C-alpha atoms as a PDB file:
ATOM      1  CA  MET A   1      10.996 -51.034 -37.955  1.00  0.00           C
ATOM      2  CA  LYS A   2      11.389 -48.780 -35.184  1.00  0.00           C
ATOM      3  CA  THR A   3       9.165 -45.898 -34.129  1.00  0.00           C
ATOM      4  CA  LYS A   4       9.863 -43.515 -31.351  1.00  0.00           C
ATOM      5  CA  LYS A   5       8.021 -43.240 -28.285  1.00  0.00           C
ATOM      6  CA  ARG A   6       6.084 -39.896 -28.159  1.00  0.00           C
ATOM      7  CA  ASN A   7       6.572 -37.915 -24.966  1.00  0.00           C
ATOM      8  CA  SER A   8       2.795 -36.713 -24.142  1.00  0.00           C
ATOM      9  CA  ASP A   9       4.025 -33.749 -21.501  1.00  0.00           C
ATOM     10  CA  PHE A  10       5.291 -31.408 -24.094  1.00  0.00           C
ATOM     11  CA  PHE A  11       7.415 -29.854 -21.179  1.00  0.00           C
ATOM     12  CA  SER A  12       9.175 -32.320 -19.969  1.00  0.00           C
ATOM     13  CA  HIS A  13       9.923 -33.641 -23.604  1.00  0.00           C
ATOM     14  CA  ALA A  14      11.092 -30.078 -25.051  1.00  0.00           C
ATOM     15  CA  LYS A  15      13.339 -30.471 -21.252  1.00  0.00           C
ATOM     16  CA  SER A  16      14.709 -33.513 -22.649  1.00  0.00           C
ATOM     17  CA  VAL A  17      15.966 -32.358 -26.236  1.00  0.00           C
ATOM     18  CA  MET A  18      17.031 -28.963 -25.425  1.00  0.00           C
ATOM     19  CA  GLY A  19      18.434 -29.457 -21.930  1.00  0.00           C
ATOM     20  CA  GLU A  20      17.739 -27.967 -19.092  1.00  0.00           C
ATOM     21  CA  LYS A  21      19.719 -24.908 -18.929  1.00  0.00           C
ATOM     22  CA  ARG A  22      18.546 -23.886 -22.637  1.00  0.00           C
ATOM     23  CA  PHE A  23      15.115 -24.706 -21.554  1.00  0.00           C
ATOM     24  CA  ASP A  24      14.580 -22.604 -18.499  1.00  0.00           C
ATOM     25  CA  LYS A  25      15.864 -19.616 -20.647  1.00  0.00           C
ATOM     26  CA  ALA A  26      13.461 -20.425 -23.379  1.00  0.00           C
ATOM     27  CA  VAL A  27      10.935 -20.738 -20.346  1.00  0.00           C
ATOM     28  CA  GLU A  28      11.881 -17.620 -18.887  1.00  0.00           C
ATOM     29  CA  LYS A  29      11.595 -15.821 -22.125  1.00  0.00           C
ATOM     30  CA  GLY A  30       8.227 -17.135 -23.041  1.00  0.00           C
ATOM     31  CA  ARG A  31       7.136 -15.581 -19.672  1.00  0.00           C
ATOM     32  CA  LYS A  32       8.577 -12.024 -20.082  1.00  0.00           C
ATOM     33  CA  VAL A  33       6.478 -12.436 -23.681  1.00  0.00           C
ATOM     34  CA  ALA A  34       3.643 -13.716 -21.892  1.00  0.00           C
ATOM     35  CA  HIS A  35       3.638 -10.617 -19.886  1.00  0.00           C
ATOM     36  CA  GLU A  36       4.575  -8.213 -22.840  1.00  0.00           C
ATOM     37  CA  LEU A  37       1.457  -9.255 -24.604  1.00  0.00           C
ATOM     38  CA  ARG A  38      -1.235  -9.351 -21.987  1.00  0.00           C
ATOM     39  CA  LEU A  39      -0.146  -5.452 -21.260  1.00  0.00           C
ATOM     40  CA  LYS A  40      -0.451  -5.134 -24.995  1.00  0.00           C
ATOM     41  CA  LYS A  41      -3.328  -7.033 -25.496  1.00  0.00           C
ATOM     42  CA  ALA A  42      -5.561  -5.322 -23.264  1.00  0.00           C
ATOM     43  CA  ARG A  43      -4.208  -1.983 -25.290  1.00  0.00           C
ATOM     44  CA  GLU A  44      -5.210  -2.904 -28.389  1.00  0.00           C
ATOM     45  CA  ILE A  45      -8.450  -4.870 -27.315  1.00  0.00           C
ATOM     46  CA  ILE A  46      -9.788  -1.198 -26.890  1.00  0.00           C
ATOM     47  CA  GLY A  47      -8.738   0.084 -29.908  1.00  0.00           C
ATOM     48  CA  LEU A  48      -5.701   2.311 -28.610  1.00  0.00           C
ATOM     49  CA  ASN A  49      -2.030   2.885 -30.155  1.00  0.00           C
ATOM     50  CA  GLN A  50       0.672   3.342 -27.706  1.00  0.00           C
ATOM     51  CA  THR A  51       0.592   7.167 -28.898  1.00  0.00           C
ATOM     52  CA  ASP A  52      -3.200   7.174 -27.474  1.00  0.00           C
ATOM     53  CA  LEU A  53      -2.872   6.657 -24.318  1.00  0.00           C
ATOM     54  CA  LYS A  54      -3.470  10.029 -22.626  1.00  0.00           C
ATOM     55  CA  GLY A  55      -0.634  11.850 -19.960  1.00  0.00           C
ATOM     56  CA  MET A  56       1.886   9.234 -21.285  1.00  0.00           C
ATOM     57  CA  THR A  57       4.432   9.231 -24.058  1.00  0.00           C
ATOM     58  CA  GLN A  58       4.938   6.549 -26.384  1.00  0.00           C
ATOM     59  CA  PRO A  59       8.762   5.714 -25.279  1.00  0.00           C
ATOM     60  CA  GLU A  60       7.060   5.340 -21.965  1.00  0.00           C
ATOM     61  CA  VAL A  61       4.195   3.454 -22.900  1.00  0.00           C
ATOM     62  CA  SER A  62       6.661   0.865 -24.503  1.00  0.00           C
ATOM     63  CA  LYS A  63       8.869   0.334 -21.537  1.00  0.00           C
ATOM     64  CA  ILE A  64       5.640  -0.093 -19.200  1.00  0.00           C
ATOM     65  CA  GLU A  65       4.943  -3.187 -22.146  1.00  0.00           C
ATOM     66  CA  ALA A  66       8.364  -4.708 -22.048  1.00  0.00           C
ATOM     67  CA  ARG A  67       8.635  -4.494 -18.379  1.00  0.00           C
ATOM     68  CA  LYS A  68       8.393  -8.119 -16.691  1.00  0.00           C
ATOM     69  CA  ASP A  69       7.683  -6.624 -13.055  1.00  0.00           C
ATOM     70  CA  ILE A  70       5.561  -3.625 -12.729  1.00  0.00           C
ATOM     71  CA  LYS A  71       4.769  -1.669  -9.828  1.00  0.00           C
ATOM     72  CA  VAL A  72       0.851  -1.094  -8.867  1.00  0.00           C
ATOM     73  CA  SER A  73       1.206   2.218  -9.302  1.00  0.00           C
ATOM     74  CA  THR A  74       2.647   2.350 -12.864  1.00  0.00           C
ATOM     75  CA  LEU A  75       0.005  -0.056 -13.526  1.00  0.00           C
ATOM     76  CA  ASP A  76      -2.875   2.126 -12.070  1.00  0.00           C
ATOM     77  CA  LYS A  77      -1.097   4.821 -14.192  1.00  0.00           C
ATOM     78  CA  TYR A  78      -1.047   2.921 -17.523  1.00  0.00           C
ATOM     79  CA  ALA A  79      -4.714   1.825 -17.159  1.00  0.00           C
ATOM     80  CA  ALA A  80      -5.898   5.551 -16.178  1.00  0.00           C
ATOM     81  CA  ALA A  81      -4.402   6.591 -19.589  1.00  0.00           C
ATOM     82  CA  MET A  82      -6.870   4.136 -21.246  1.00  0.00           C
ATOM     83  CA  GLY A  83      -9.566   5.210 -19.495  1.00  0.00           C
ATOM     84  CA  MET A  84      -9.454   1.985 -17.018  1.00  0.00           C
ATOM     85  CA  LYS A  85      -8.667   1.104 -13.401  1.00  0.00           C
ATOM     86  CA  VAL A  86      -7.353  -1.459 -11.863  1.00  0.00           C
ATOM     87  CA  LYS A  87      -8.794  -4.462 -10.374  1.00  0.00           C
ATOM     88  CA  ILE A  88      -6.347  -6.879  -8.508  1.00  0.00           C
ATOM     89  CA  SER A  89      -8.095 -10.450  -7.368  1.00  0.00           C
ATOM     90  CA  LEU A  90      -6.602 -12.952  -4.881  1.00  0.00           C
ATOM     91  CA  VAL A  91      -7.549 -16.695  -5.944  1.00  0.00           C
ATOM     92  CA  SER A  92      -6.740 -19.701  -4.322  1.00  0.00           C
ATOM     93  CA  GLU A  93      -4.541 -21.935  -5.848  1.00  0.00           C
ATOM     94  CA  ASP A  94      -7.817 -24.399  -6.298  1.00  0.00           C
ATOM     95  CA  GLU A  95      -9.957 -21.774  -7.900  1.00  0.00           C
ATOM     96  CA  ASP A  96     -13.048 -24.170  -6.718  1.00  0.00           C
ATOM     97  CA  GLU A  97     -12.134 -23.790  -2.949  1.00  0.00           C
ATOM     98  CA  ILE A  98     -12.304 -19.939  -2.232  1.00  0.00           C
ATOM     99  CA  GLU A  99     -14.179 -17.315  -4.109  1.00  0.00           C
ATOM    100  CA  PRO A 100     -11.892 -14.807  -5.456  1.00  0.00           C
ATOM    101  CA  ILE A 101     -11.504 -11.889  -3.098  1.00  0.00           C
ATOM    102  CA  ALA A 102     -11.443  -8.368  -4.812  1.00  0.00           C
ATOM    103  CA  ILE A 103      -8.747  -5.725  -4.407  1.00  0.00           C
ATOM    104  CA  TYR A 104      -9.277  -2.569  -5.895  1.00  0.00           C
ATOM    105  CA  GLY A 105      -6.363  -0.179  -6.666  1.00  0.00           C
END
C-alpha cells in the first residue's frame, strides 16, 4: 500500500495543487478579506454597528471596510467616528532588532 508524502508547507502544497495562477488569485482575495475583517473587527470589538459611526453614513462605512487600500486621512476619519484615534508604528522586519517607532495621525 502506497501512502502520499505530506507536504509540510501548506502554501507550497496549495500552489502545487491549484497551479500558480489560481494560487496567486486566491492569496490576493485572502489579503482583501483579511483587510476587511480587521476594520470590521475593530468596529465590532467596541460594540458598534455600521450605522453607529458618528458623522458617517452606513454605505460610506461599508465602502471603507471593503477597500484594500485606504488613505491615512480616511482611516483617521473612520477611527474618529468610532471615538478613537489612529496610531501607526514602524517596526523592523526582525521585530526584536529595533523598538517600534510610533507615528501619530
